[in-house]
Protein backbone atom coordinates (compact mmCIF):
# COMPACT_ATOMS: atom_id res chain seq x y z
CA MET A 1 203.32 -1.92 237.86
CA SER A 2 200.64 -0.39 235.68
CA ARG A 3 200.95 2.94 237.49
CA ILE A 4 204.70 3.07 236.84
CA ARG A 5 204.16 2.26 233.18
CA THR A 6 201.49 4.92 232.88
CA ALA A 7 203.84 7.51 234.43
CA VAL A 8 206.66 6.55 232.04
CA GLU A 9 204.27 6.85 229.05
CA LEU A 10 203.15 10.32 230.23
CA PHE A 11 206.76 11.45 230.59
CA LEU A 12 207.75 10.14 227.14
CA ASN A 13 204.74 11.82 225.53
CA LEU A 14 206.14 15.17 226.54
CA PHE A 15 208.83 14.67 223.87
CA ARG A 16 206.77 13.00 221.15
CA LYS A 17 205.06 14.69 218.24
CA PRO A 18 201.30 15.09 218.54
CA VAL A 19 199.17 12.38 216.78
CA THR A 20 196.47 14.87 215.79
CA VAL A 21 196.47 16.29 212.30
CA HIS A 22 195.98 20.03 211.76
CA GLU A 23 192.92 20.73 209.71
CA SER A 24 192.37 24.12 208.08
CA TYR A 25 189.16 25.93 208.65
CA GLY A 26 186.38 25.53 206.08
CA TYR A 27 184.18 28.19 204.54
CA LEU A 28 181.00 29.26 206.30
CA PRO A 29 177.80 28.39 204.34
CA ASP A 30 175.68 31.17 202.92
CA THR A 31 172.82 30.20 205.32
CA TYR A 32 175.02 30.50 208.40
CA ARG A 33 173.76 32.91 211.09
CA SER A 34 175.53 34.23 214.16
CA LEU A 35 175.09 36.81 216.92
CA PRO A 36 172.66 39.62 216.28
CA ARG A 37 173.93 43.19 216.23
CA ARG A 38 171.63 46.08 217.11
CA ASP A 39 171.84 49.55 215.56
CA ALA A 40 170.93 51.85 218.42
CA GLU A 41 170.15 54.70 216.07
CA ARG A 42 167.49 52.75 214.19
CA CYS A 43 165.98 50.79 217.13
CA THR A 44 162.69 52.21 218.36
CA GLY A 45 162.15 49.76 221.21
CA CYS A 46 158.87 48.49 219.70
CA GLY A 47 159.47 44.95 221.21
CA ALA A 48 158.89 42.95 217.97
CA CYS A 49 162.19 41.18 218.52
CA TYR A 50 161.17 40.37 222.10
CA GLU A 51 157.88 38.93 221.00
CA ARG A 52 159.44 36.84 218.27
CA CYS A 53 162.46 35.44 220.18
CA SER A 54 161.66 31.80 221.01
CA SER A 55 164.70 31.23 223.20
CA GLY A 56 164.27 34.19 225.61
CA ALA A 57 167.51 35.77 224.57
CA THR A 58 165.98 39.11 223.92
CA ARG A 59 164.78 41.02 226.95
CA LEU A 60 162.62 44.08 227.42
CA THR A 61 162.87 45.93 230.66
CA ASP A 62 160.88 49.06 231.62
CA ARG A 63 162.16 50.96 234.66
CA ASP A 64 160.90 54.44 235.61
CA ASP A 65 160.76 56.33 232.27
CA ARG A 66 163.38 54.14 230.51
CA ARG A 67 163.10 50.97 228.31
CA THR A 68 166.12 48.76 227.93
CA VAL A 69 166.41 46.15 225.12
CA SER A 70 169.15 43.68 225.83
CA VAL A 71 170.45 40.34 224.32
CA ASP A 72 171.61 37.38 226.27
CA GLY A 73 174.40 35.76 224.34
CA TYR A 74 174.12 32.45 226.20
CA ASN A 75 170.47 31.99 225.38
CA CYS A 76 170.78 33.12 221.73
CA ILE A 77 170.34 30.23 219.26
CA TYR A 78 171.33 32.37 216.29
CA CYS A 79 167.99 31.76 214.54
CA GLY A 80 167.69 35.29 213.17
CA ARG A 81 164.03 35.70 213.86
CA CYS A 82 164.63 39.02 215.63
CA ALA A 83 166.30 40.39 212.52
CA ASP A 84 163.61 39.09 210.27
CA VAL A 85 160.73 40.81 212.10
CA CYS A 86 162.44 44.14 212.99
CA PRO A 87 160.40 46.85 211.09
CA GLU A 88 163.27 49.33 211.21
CA LYS A 89 165.98 46.82 210.15
CA ALA A 90 167.90 47.67 213.26
CA LEU A 91 169.07 44.15 213.77
CA ALA A 92 171.48 42.19 211.57
CA LEU A 93 173.27 38.82 211.93
CA SER A 94 177.05 39.35 212.27
CA PHE A 95 178.10 36.17 210.39
CA GLU A 96 181.21 35.83 212.55
CA GLY A 97 182.81 32.57 213.90
CA MET A 98 180.81 29.44 214.78
CA ALA A 99 181.55 30.04 218.51
CA PRO A 100 181.22 33.59 219.75
CA PRO A 101 184.51 35.22 220.85
CA LYS A 102 185.14 35.49 224.60
CA ASP A 103 184.79 39.27 224.48
CA ASP A 104 181.26 38.88 222.91
CA VAL A 105 180.25 36.29 225.53
CA GLU A 106 181.36 38.63 228.30
CA ARG A 107 179.67 41.57 226.68
CA LEU A 108 176.46 39.90 225.65
CA GLY A 109 176.03 36.98 227.94
CA ARG A 110 175.30 36.40 231.59
CA ILE A 111 177.44 38.24 234.01
CA ASP A 112 179.66 36.93 236.83
CA LEU A 113 178.21 38.51 239.94
CA ASN A 114 181.55 38.08 241.71
CA ARG A 115 183.27 40.28 239.10
CA TYR A 116 180.57 42.70 237.94
CA ALA A 117 177.71 44.45 239.74
CA GLY A 118 174.80 46.59 238.80
CA GLU A 119 175.13 49.04 235.96
CA ASP A 120 178.81 48.16 235.39
CA ALA A 121 177.95 44.80 233.89
CA PRO A 122 179.21 44.39 230.25
CA ARG A 123 176.10 43.96 228.21
CA GLU A 124 174.91 45.16 224.80
CA ASP A 125 171.90 47.20 225.78
CA THR A 126 169.83 49.74 223.93
CA THR A 127 168.13 52.23 226.25
CA LEU A 128 165.28 54.49 225.08
CA THR A 129 162.98 56.93 226.78
CA LEU A 130 159.35 56.01 227.39
CA GLN A 131 156.57 58.29 226.08
CA ARG A 132 154.58 60.46 228.44
CA CYS A 133 150.92 61.08 227.66
CA SER A 134 150.62 64.46 225.92
CA ILE A 135 147.45 65.18 227.99
CA CYS A 136 147.82 63.70 231.50
CA GLY A 137 151.60 63.18 231.62
CA GLU A 138 151.47 59.56 232.71
CA ILE A 139 154.29 57.21 231.38
CA MET A 140 153.03 54.88 228.70
CA PRO A 141 154.51 51.42 227.89
CA VAL A 142 155.86 52.73 224.51
CA THR A 143 158.92 54.63 223.68
CA GLU A 144 159.01 58.26 222.33
CA LYS A 145 160.97 57.04 219.30
CA TYR A 146 158.45 54.42 218.35
CA LEU A 147 155.52 56.82 218.64
CA GLU A 148 157.22 59.42 216.64
CA VAL A 149 157.67 56.86 213.80
CA ILE A 150 153.95 56.00 214.03
CA ARG A 151 152.90 59.68 214.03
CA ARG A 152 155.06 60.54 211.04
CA ARG A 153 153.93 57.57 209.02
CA THR A 154 150.27 58.19 209.92
CA LEU A 155 150.45 61.79 208.74
CA ASP A 156 152.35 61.02 205.69
CA ASN A 157 149.88 58.39 204.57
CA LEU A 158 146.79 60.64 204.90
CA GLN A 159 145.05 61.95 201.94
CA PRO A 160 145.75 65.67 201.22
CA ASP A 161 142.15 66.72 201.95
CA THR A 162 142.19 64.79 205.22
CA ALA A 163 145.63 66.08 206.36
CA LYS A 164 144.31 69.70 206.17
CA LEU A 165 141.70 68.86 208.90
CA ILE A 166 144.31 67.86 211.40
CA ASP A 167 145.44 70.64 213.62
CA LYS A 168 147.78 70.70 216.65
CA ASP A 169 144.91 69.92 219.06
CA MET A 170 144.08 66.80 217.12
CA GLU A 171 147.70 65.78 216.55
CA LYS A 172 148.33 65.57 220.30
CA TYR A 173 145.94 62.65 220.51
CA LEU A 174 148.44 60.57 218.53
CA THR A 175 150.73 60.58 221.64
CA ALA A 176 147.94 60.30 224.23
CA CYS A 177 147.22 57.31 226.48
CA ILE A 178 144.14 55.19 225.91
CA ALA A 179 142.31 56.66 228.96
CA CYS A 180 142.74 60.19 227.68
CA ARG A 181 141.67 59.19 224.16
CA GLN A 182 138.53 57.79 225.51
CA LYS A 183 137.91 60.63 227.86
CA ASN A 184 138.43 63.35 225.22
CA SER A 185 137.21 61.73 222.05
CA LEU A 186 134.15 59.56 222.94
CA ILE A 187 131.05 61.66 223.08
CA TRP A 188 129.33 59.12 225.39
CA GLY A 189 131.94 59.23 228.12
CA THR A 190 134.45 56.78 229.45
CA HIS A 191 132.13 54.20 231.21
CA PRO A 192 129.09 52.31 229.98
CA ARG A 193 127.05 53.72 232.84
CA LYS A 194 127.39 57.15 231.20
CA TRP A 195 126.10 55.93 227.79
CA VAL A 196 122.83 57.34 226.61
CA ARG A 197 120.46 54.58 225.77
CA ALA A 198 118.01 55.73 223.06
CA PRO A 199 116.14 54.01 220.26
CA ALA A 200 117.85 54.12 216.87
CA GLU A 201 116.35 56.44 214.30
CA GLU A 202 114.35 54.96 211.49
CA PRO A 203 116.44 54.91 208.29
CA ALA A 204 115.34 57.34 205.62
CA LYS A 205 113.18 55.73 202.95
């Protein structure tokens, strides 16, 4: 009998008005934070956002001579730490709806392997070129764009008298790997076995 009554109630509910009350949307608070947006023109691939991300949403992938910075929309907790630490202000919080739109989830989040494959996956990625050592040519774990920013700021902050002493031969060490810097700049060689052990000179009196 109860099954028949339940079936009748279900049928009658098709013609009744809903009991829920429509509630208008409220205003987002000033402190609200949502999905991060990355400005590819400003991003240098320094990895500060990757180091600061506590939820593992930001990923840094080096493959061959390319570095890819990506955001996993499912893991993102909208804390905004990545935007706070970005030295180039390349990240900003979008302040959109409380739940990310479906398009954003598909574009930023994990992919459905049955639908997408390989490079065709919809993700918000920023790809940059890794720097090659200016002396030996080996690929370094830092992007060309990031080293260019460091080089420019280093030269700009030098005193005028010091800047005159830097020529092109010295400037190339700013984009050299650690091994080449040691080999070409340390007068005692690259290994402790090559160091010259001699008594220190007596200080002048």
